Each structure stands twice: as C-alpha cells, then as structure tokens.
Amino acid sequence: MTDYAKALGSRLRAIRTQQGLSLHGVEEKSRGRWKAVVVGSYERGDRAVTVQRLAELAEFYGVPIHELLPQGVAPGSPTEAAPRIIIDLEQLSHVPAEQSAPLARYAATIQSQRGDYNGRVLSIRHEDLRSLAVIYDASPGALTEQLISWGVLTPDARRAVDAVGA
C-alpha cells in the first residue's frame, strides 16, 4: 500500500465521518449502491478506486471531487498529506449567532464563490483561518481551539495549524 493510497483513504474516511455516516450507513443511504465492504477497503487503501468511482463517491457525499483527494502527496510519494481544515457547517448552525456570525458570513462567502452549497462541510485554506483570526481578534491557534470547543472543527485541525506554523 502506498502513502498516497493511505492518504486518499484517510480523506474518504474523514468526509464520511464528518457526515455522521458509518460504513453501513453509507450502504443504507445509497440503497446498496455503495457496499460497506467496498468503501471500507477504499478507506484502508486495500483497494484501488477508479477516477469514475471516486467522482461518483464525491457526488454521493455531496462534495467536490478535489475534497476527496489528499493534498501534498503525489502518487508513490513517501510524504504524508497535511491535515485539512474542514468546517462542520451543520455544527456551526448550532452555535449562538453572536459568536458564530463572522464565521458564518465568511463561510457563506466562500460557498458563494465556489458555487458549493452542500451545507454540511466546507474546507478552508490556512490563509482563511488567518483572516478569520484577525476578524475574531485572536491568534490562529486560539481561534482553532475555540472552533474545536464549538464542535465546528475536529481536533485534527490542530495538526493542520501546527503544520503551517500559523
């Protein structure tokens, strides 16, 4: 198994879990189109996924295909993918507006620019996190901790922030 296959599998698993789906939940929601054993083998990197199947899986999850691809890892590369910063938009909707309004507006702007309205998750760049930190008058690290406490980011976001020295 290559590092790329592992990184791709990690991205697939991250998107699935962000949507609150188990492997069997994927099979049920897809009415059997996506078998739990097949999706699990993609996530473990035990089974190669074709570009066509990857595009279909992205459509099923309601995310752009590039969100399924690991960043910073070329096929056959020994380099590990840098963690992504993924905002849980559904969880953001449960945060009181007086706290979440700047982030909600920022996310809505990004969604508008991308034409991406899946409403569940939104990946942002490290530069976006820095901009948000300025808006919230906090360091990127402190803002990350706040967003984790709100449930908007997973604890993995700490690694993404540390990876770029934000």
C-alpha atoms as a PDB file:
ATOM      1  CA  MET A   1       0.000   0.000   0.000  1.00  0.00           C
ATOM      2  CA  THR A   2       1.380   3.408  -0.958  1.00  0.00           C
ATOM      3  CA  ASP A   3       1.345   6.537   1.171  1.00  0.00           C
ATOM      4  CA  TYR A   4      -0.967   8.062  -1.419  1.00  0.00           C
ATOM      5  CA  ALA A   5      -3.482   5.221  -1.022  1.00  0.00           C
ATOM      6  CA  LYS A   6      -3.364   5.685   2.758  1.00  0.00           C
ATOM      7  CA  ALA A   7      -3.833   9.458   2.440  1.00  0.00           C
ATOM      8  CA  LEU A   8      -6.702   9.030  -0.028  1.00  0.00           C
ATOM      9  CA  GLY A   9      -8.330   6.523   2.304  1.00  0.00           C
ATOM     10  CA  SER A  10      -7.965   8.942   5.214  1.00  0.00           C
ATOM     11  CA  ARG A  11      -9.681  11.693   3.200  1.00  0.00           C
ATOM     12  CA  LEU A  12     -12.523   9.350   2.262  1.00  0.00           C
ATOM     13  CA  ARG A  13     -12.970   8.303   5.893  1.00  0.00           C
ATOM     14  CA  ALA A  14     -12.826  11.915   7.113  1.00  0.00           C
ATOM     15  CA  ILE A  15     -15.551  13.043   4.704  1.00  0.00           C
ATOM     16  CA  ARG A  16     -17.747  10.057   5.602  1.00  0.00           C
ATOM     17  CA  THR A  17     -17.389  10.574   9.349  1.00  0.00           C
ATOM     18  CA  GLN A  18     -17.947  14.335   9.055  1.00  0.00           C
ATOM     19  CA  GLN A  19     -21.292  13.473   7.552  1.00  0.00           C
ATOM     20  CA  GLY A  20     -22.073  11.244  10.515  1.00  0.00           C
ATOM     21  CA  LEU A  21     -22.146   8.068   8.448  1.00  0.00           C
ATOM     22  CA  SER A  22     -20.876   4.639   9.398  1.00  0.00           C
ATOM     23  CA  LEU A  23     -19.814   2.283   6.622  1.00  0.00           C
ATOM     24  CA  HIS A  24     -23.160   0.536   6.933  1.00  0.00           C
ATOM     25  CA  GLY A  25     -24.856   3.928   6.950  1.00  0.00           C
ATOM     26  CA  VAL A  26     -23.288   4.631   3.551  1.00  0.00           C
ATOM     27  CA  GLU A  27     -24.666   1.347   2.247  1.00  0.00           C
ATOM     28  CA  GLU A  28     -28.127   2.088   3.631  1.00  0.00           C
ATOM     29  CA  LYS A  29     -28.227   5.714   2.451  1.00  0.00           C
ATOM     30  CA  SER A  30     -27.073   4.673  -1.024  1.00  0.00           C
ATOM     31  CA  ARG A  31     -29.648   1.861  -1.106  1.00  0.00           C
ATOM     32  CA  GLY A  32     -26.885  -0.676  -1.669  1.00  0.00           C
ATOM     33  CA  ARG A  33     -25.083   1.189  -4.435  1.00  0.00           C
ATOM     34  CA  TRP A  34     -22.060   1.623  -2.156  1.00  0.00           C
ATOM     35  CA  LYS A  35     -21.285  -1.586  -0.269  1.00  0.00           C
ATOM     36  CA  ALA A  36     -19.794  -1.100   3.196  1.00  0.00           C
ATOM     37  CA  VAL A  37     -17.013  -3.584   2.483  1.00  0.00           C
ATOM     38  CA  VAL A  38     -16.008  -1.769  -0.722  1.00  0.00           C
ATOM     39  CA  VAL A  39     -15.997   1.719   0.837  1.00  0.00           C
ATOM     40  CA  GLY A  40     -14.058   0.321   3.811  1.00  0.00           C
ATOM     41  CA  SER A  41     -11.443  -1.194   1.502  1.00  0.00           C
ATOM     42  CA  TYR A  42     -11.069   2.163  -0.273  1.00  0.00           C
ATOM     43  CA  GLU A  43     -10.610   3.862   3.103  1.00  0.00           C
ATOM     44  CA  ARG A  44      -7.973   1.356   4.215  1.00  0.00           C
ATOM     45  CA  GLY A  45      -6.172   1.691   0.892  1.00  0.00           C
ATOM     46  CA  ASP A  46      -6.605  -2.045   0.268  1.00  0.00           C
ATOM     47  CA  ARG A  47      -8.498  -1.492  -2.951  1.00  0.00           C
ATOM     48  CA  ALA A  48      -7.769   0.950  -5.778  1.00  0.00           C
ATOM     49  CA  VAL A  49     -10.571   3.331  -6.650  1.00  0.00           C
ATOM     50  CA  THR A  50     -11.031   4.434 -10.251  1.00  0.00           C
ATOM     51  CA  VAL A  51     -11.435   8.079 -11.144  1.00  0.00           C
ATOM     52  CA  GLN A  52     -15.015   7.372 -12.230  1.00  0.00           C
ATOM     53  CA  ARG A  53     -15.907   5.690  -8.915  1.00  0.00           C
ATOM     54  CA  LEU A  54     -14.191   8.491  -6.985  1.00  0.00           C
ATOM     55  CA  ALA A  55     -16.288  11.056  -8.868  1.00  0.00           C
ATOM     56  CA  GLU A  56     -19.430   9.058  -8.101  1.00  0.00           C
ATOM     57  CA  LEU A  57     -18.478   8.830  -4.427  1.00  0.00           C
ATOM     58  CA  ALA A  58     -17.870  12.599  -4.314  1.00  0.00           C
ATOM     59  CA  GLU A  59     -21.321  13.134  -5.808  1.00  0.00           C
ATOM     60  CA  PHE A  60     -22.860  10.764  -3.246  1.00  0.00           C
ATOM     61  CA  TYR A  61     -21.178  12.659  -0.382  1.00  0.00           C
ATOM     62  CA  GLY A  62     -22.147  15.987  -1.959  1.00  0.00           C
ATOM     63  CA  VAL A  63     -18.606  17.353  -2.039  1.00  0.00           C
ATOM     64  CA  PRO A  64     -16.363  18.492  -4.885  1.00  0.00           C
ATOM     65  CA  ILE A  65     -14.104  15.665  -6.053  1.00  0.00           C
ATOM     66  CA  HIS A  66     -10.969  17.597  -5.106  1.00  0.00           C
ATOM     67  CA  GLU A  67     -12.100  17.396  -1.464  1.00  0.00           C
ATOM     68  CA  LEU A  68     -11.597  13.635  -1.610  1.00  0.00           C
ATOM     69  CA  LEU A  69      -8.041  13.922  -2.888  1.00  0.00           C
ATOM     70  CA  PRO A  70      -5.196  14.243  -0.416  1.00  0.00           C
ATOM     71  CA  GLN A  71      -3.120  17.391  -0.686  1.00  0.00           C
ATOM     72  CA  GLY A  72       0.650  17.385  -0.688  1.00  0.00           C
ATOM     73  CA  VAL A  73       1.029  13.703  -1.590  1.00  0.00           C
ATOM     74  CA  ALA A  74       1.826  12.638  -5.099  1.00  0.00           C
ATOM     75  CA  PRO A  75       1.067   9.057  -6.087  1.00  0.00           C
ATOM     76  CA  GLY A  76       4.055   6.988  -4.992  1.00  0.00           C
ATOM     77  CA  SER A  77       5.313   9.814  -2.767  1.00  0.00           C
ATOM     78  CA  PRO A  78       6.504   8.996   0.747  1.00  0.00           C
ATOM     79  CA  THR A  79       5.273  12.363   2.033  1.00  0.00           C
ATOM     80  CA  GLU A  80       2.240  12.396   4.330  1.00  0.00           C
ATOM     81  CA  ALA A  81      -0.651  14.703   3.453  1.00  0.00           C
ATOM     82  CA  ALA A  82      -1.037  17.833   5.529  1.00  0.00           C
ATOM     83  CA  PRO A  83      -4.271  17.823   7.510  1.00  0.00           C
ATOM     84  CA  ARG A  84      -7.081  19.904   6.052  1.00  0.00           C
ATOM     85  CA  ILE A  85      -9.176  22.473   7.860  1.00  0.00           C
ATOM     86  CA  ILE A  86     -12.776  21.343   7.460  1.00  0.00           C
ATOM     87  CA  ILE A  87     -15.591  23.392   8.979  1.00  0.00           C
ATOM     88  CA  ASP A  88     -18.667  21.445  10.050  1.00  0.00           C
ATOM     89  CA  LEU A  89     -21.406  23.763   8.794  1.00  0.00           C
ATOM     90  CA  GLU A  90     -24.173  21.779  10.450  1.00  0.00           C
ATOM     91  CA  GLN A  91     -22.483  22.155  13.840  1.00  0.00           C
ATOM     92  CA  LEU A  92     -21.868  25.847  13.131  1.00  0.00           C
ATOM     93  CA  SER A  93     -25.626  26.338  12.814  1.00  0.00           C
ATOM     94  CA  HIS A  94     -25.965  25.270  16.485  1.00  0.00           C
ATOM     95  CA  VAL A  95     -23.510  27.892  17.780  1.00  0.00           C
ATOM     96  CA  PRO A  96     -25.195  31.081  19.044  1.00  0.00           C
ATOM     97  CA  ALA A  97     -25.270  33.762  16.328  1.00  0.00           C
ATOM     98  CA  GLU A  98     -23.454  36.352  18.450  1.00  0.00           C
ATOM     99  CA  GLN A  99     -20.435  34.022  18.432  1.00  0.00           C
ATOM    100  CA  SER A 100     -20.744  32.417  15.015  1.00  0.00           C
ATOM    101  CA  ALA A 101     -21.882  35.326  12.817  1.00  0.00           C
ATOM    102  CA  PRO A 102     -18.440  36.321  11.457  1.00  0.00           C
ATOM    103  CA  LEU A 103     -17.539  32.718  10.639  1.00  0.00           C
ATOM    104  CA  ALA A 104     -20.982  32.030   9.144  1.00  0.00           C
ATOM    105  CA  ARG A 105     -20.689  35.092   6.858  1.00  0.00           C
ATOM    106  CA  TYR A 106     -17.158  34.110   5.840  1.00  0.00           C
ATOM    107  CA  ALA A 107     -18.259  30.533   5.088  1.00  0.00           C
ATOM    108  CA  ALA A 108     -21.264  31.752   3.097  1.00  0.00           C
ATOM    109  CA  THR A 109     -18.970  33.960   1.014  1.00  0.00           C
ATOM    110  CA  ILE A 110     -16.637  31.047   0.260  1.00  0.00           C
ATOM    111  CA  GLN A 111     -19.596  28.838  -0.644  1.00  0.00           C
ATOM    112  CA  SER A 112     -20.914  31.528  -2.970  1.00  0.00           C
ATOM    113  CA  GLN A 113     -17.540  31.959  -4.665  1.00  0.00           C
ATOM    114  CA  ARG A 114     -17.171  28.211  -5.155  1.00  0.00           C
ATOM    115  CA  GLY A 115     -20.789  27.562  -6.017  1.00  0.00           C
ATOM    116  CA  ASP A 116     -20.636  24.865  -3.318  1.00  0.00           C
ATOM    117  CA  TYR A 117     -23.782  24.672  -1.242  1.00  0.00           C
ATOM    118  CA  ASN A 118     -23.694  21.141   0.181  1.00  0.00           C
ATOM    119  CA  GLY A 119     -24.368  22.680   3.585  1.00  0.00           C
ATOM    120  CA  ARG A 120     -22.535  20.011   5.560  1.00  0.00           C
ATOM    121  CA  VAL A 121     -18.844  20.747   5.428  1.00  0.00           C
ATOM    122  CA  LEU A 122     -16.559  23.387   3.982  1.00  0.00           C
ATOM    123  CA  SER A 123     -12.814  23.158   3.607  1.00  0.00           C
ATOM    124  CA  ILE A 124     -10.877  26.357   4.108  1.00  0.00           C
ATOM    125  CA  ARG A 125      -7.284  27.303   3.416  1.00  0.00           C
ATOM    126  CA  HIS A 126      -4.810  28.130   6.120  1.00  0.00           C
ATOM    127  CA  GLU A 127      -4.901  31.725   4.865  1.00  0.00           C
ATOM    128  CA  ASP A 128      -8.655  31.767   5.530  1.00  0.00           C
ATOM    129  CA  LEU A 129      -8.023  30.706   9.115  1.00  0.00           C
ATOM    130  CA  ARG A 130      -5.528  33.545   9.498  1.00  0.00           C
ATOM    131  CA  SER A 131      -8.097  36.027   8.134  1.00  0.00           C
ATOM    132  CA  LEU A 132     -10.754  34.681  10.486  1.00  0.00           C
ATOM    133  CA  ALA A 133      -8.321  35.003  13.387  1.00  0.00           C
ATOM    134  CA  VAL A 134      -7.977  38.709  12.596  1.00  0.00           C
ATOM    135  CA  ILE A 135     -11.763  39.076  12.475  1.00  0.00           C
ATOM    136  CA  TYR A 136     -12.079  37.313  15.836  1.00  0.00           C
ATOM    137  CA  ASP A 137      -9.103  39.250  17.261  1.00  0.00           C
ATOM    138  CA  ALA A 138      -7.321  36.021  18.186  1.00  0.00           C
ATOM    139  CA  SER A 139      -4.286  34.046  17.101  1.00  0.00           C
ATOM    140  CA  PRO A 140      -4.925  31.249  14.589  1.00  0.00           C
ATOM    141  CA  GLY A 141      -4.125  28.735  17.329  1.00  0.00           C
ATOM    142  CA  ALA A 142      -6.536  30.321  19.815  1.00  0.00           C
ATOM    143  CA  LEU A 143      -9.277  30.542  17.185  1.00  0.00           C
ATOM    144  CA  THR A 144      -8.699  26.901  16.271  1.00  0.00           C
ATOM    145  CA  GLU A 145      -9.163  25.911  19.915  1.00  0.00           C
ATOM    146  CA  GLN A 146     -12.371  27.982  20.098  1.00  0.00           C
ATOM    147  CA  LEU A 147     -13.757  26.362  16.947  1.00  0.00           C
ATOM    148  CA  ILE A 148     -12.864  22.909  18.268  1.00  0.00           C
ATOM    149  CA  SER A 149     -14.711  23.691  21.515  1.00  0.00           C
ATOM    150  CA  TRP A 150     -17.775  24.693  19.453  1.00  0.00           C
ATOM    151  CA  GLY A 151     -17.537  21.377  17.575  1.00  0.00           C
ATOM    152  CA  VAL A 152     -17.040  23.243  14.296  1.00  0.00           C
ATOM    153  CA  LEU A 153     -13.550  21.785  13.781  1.00  0.00           C
ATOM    154  CA  THR A 154     -12.232  18.380  14.739  1.00  0.00           C
ATOM    155  CA  PRO A 155      -9.161  18.147  16.982  1.00  0.00           C
ATOM    156  CA  ASP A 156      -7.203  17.167  13.832  1.00  0.00           C
ATOM    157  CA  ALA A 157      -7.337  20.856  12.893  1.00  0.00           C
ATOM    158  CA  ARG A 158      -4.606  21.466  15.475  1.00  0.00           C
ATOM    159  CA  ARG A 159      -2.200  19.490  13.315  1.00  0.00           C
ATOM    160  CA  ALA A 160      -3.195  21.499  10.245  1.00  0.00           C
ATOM    161  CA  VAL A 161      -2.466  24.759  12.066  1.00  0.00           C
ATOM    162  CA  ASP A 162       0.797  23.432  13.506  1.00  0.00           C
ATOM    163  CA  ALA A 163       1.870  22.148  10.077  1.00  0.00           C
ATOM    164  CA  VAL A 164       1.964  25.672   8.651  1.00  0.00           C
ATOM    165  CA  GLY A 165       3.117  27.406  11.791  1.00  0.00           C
ATOM    166  CA  ALA A 166       0.027  29.599  11.980  1.00  0.00           C
END
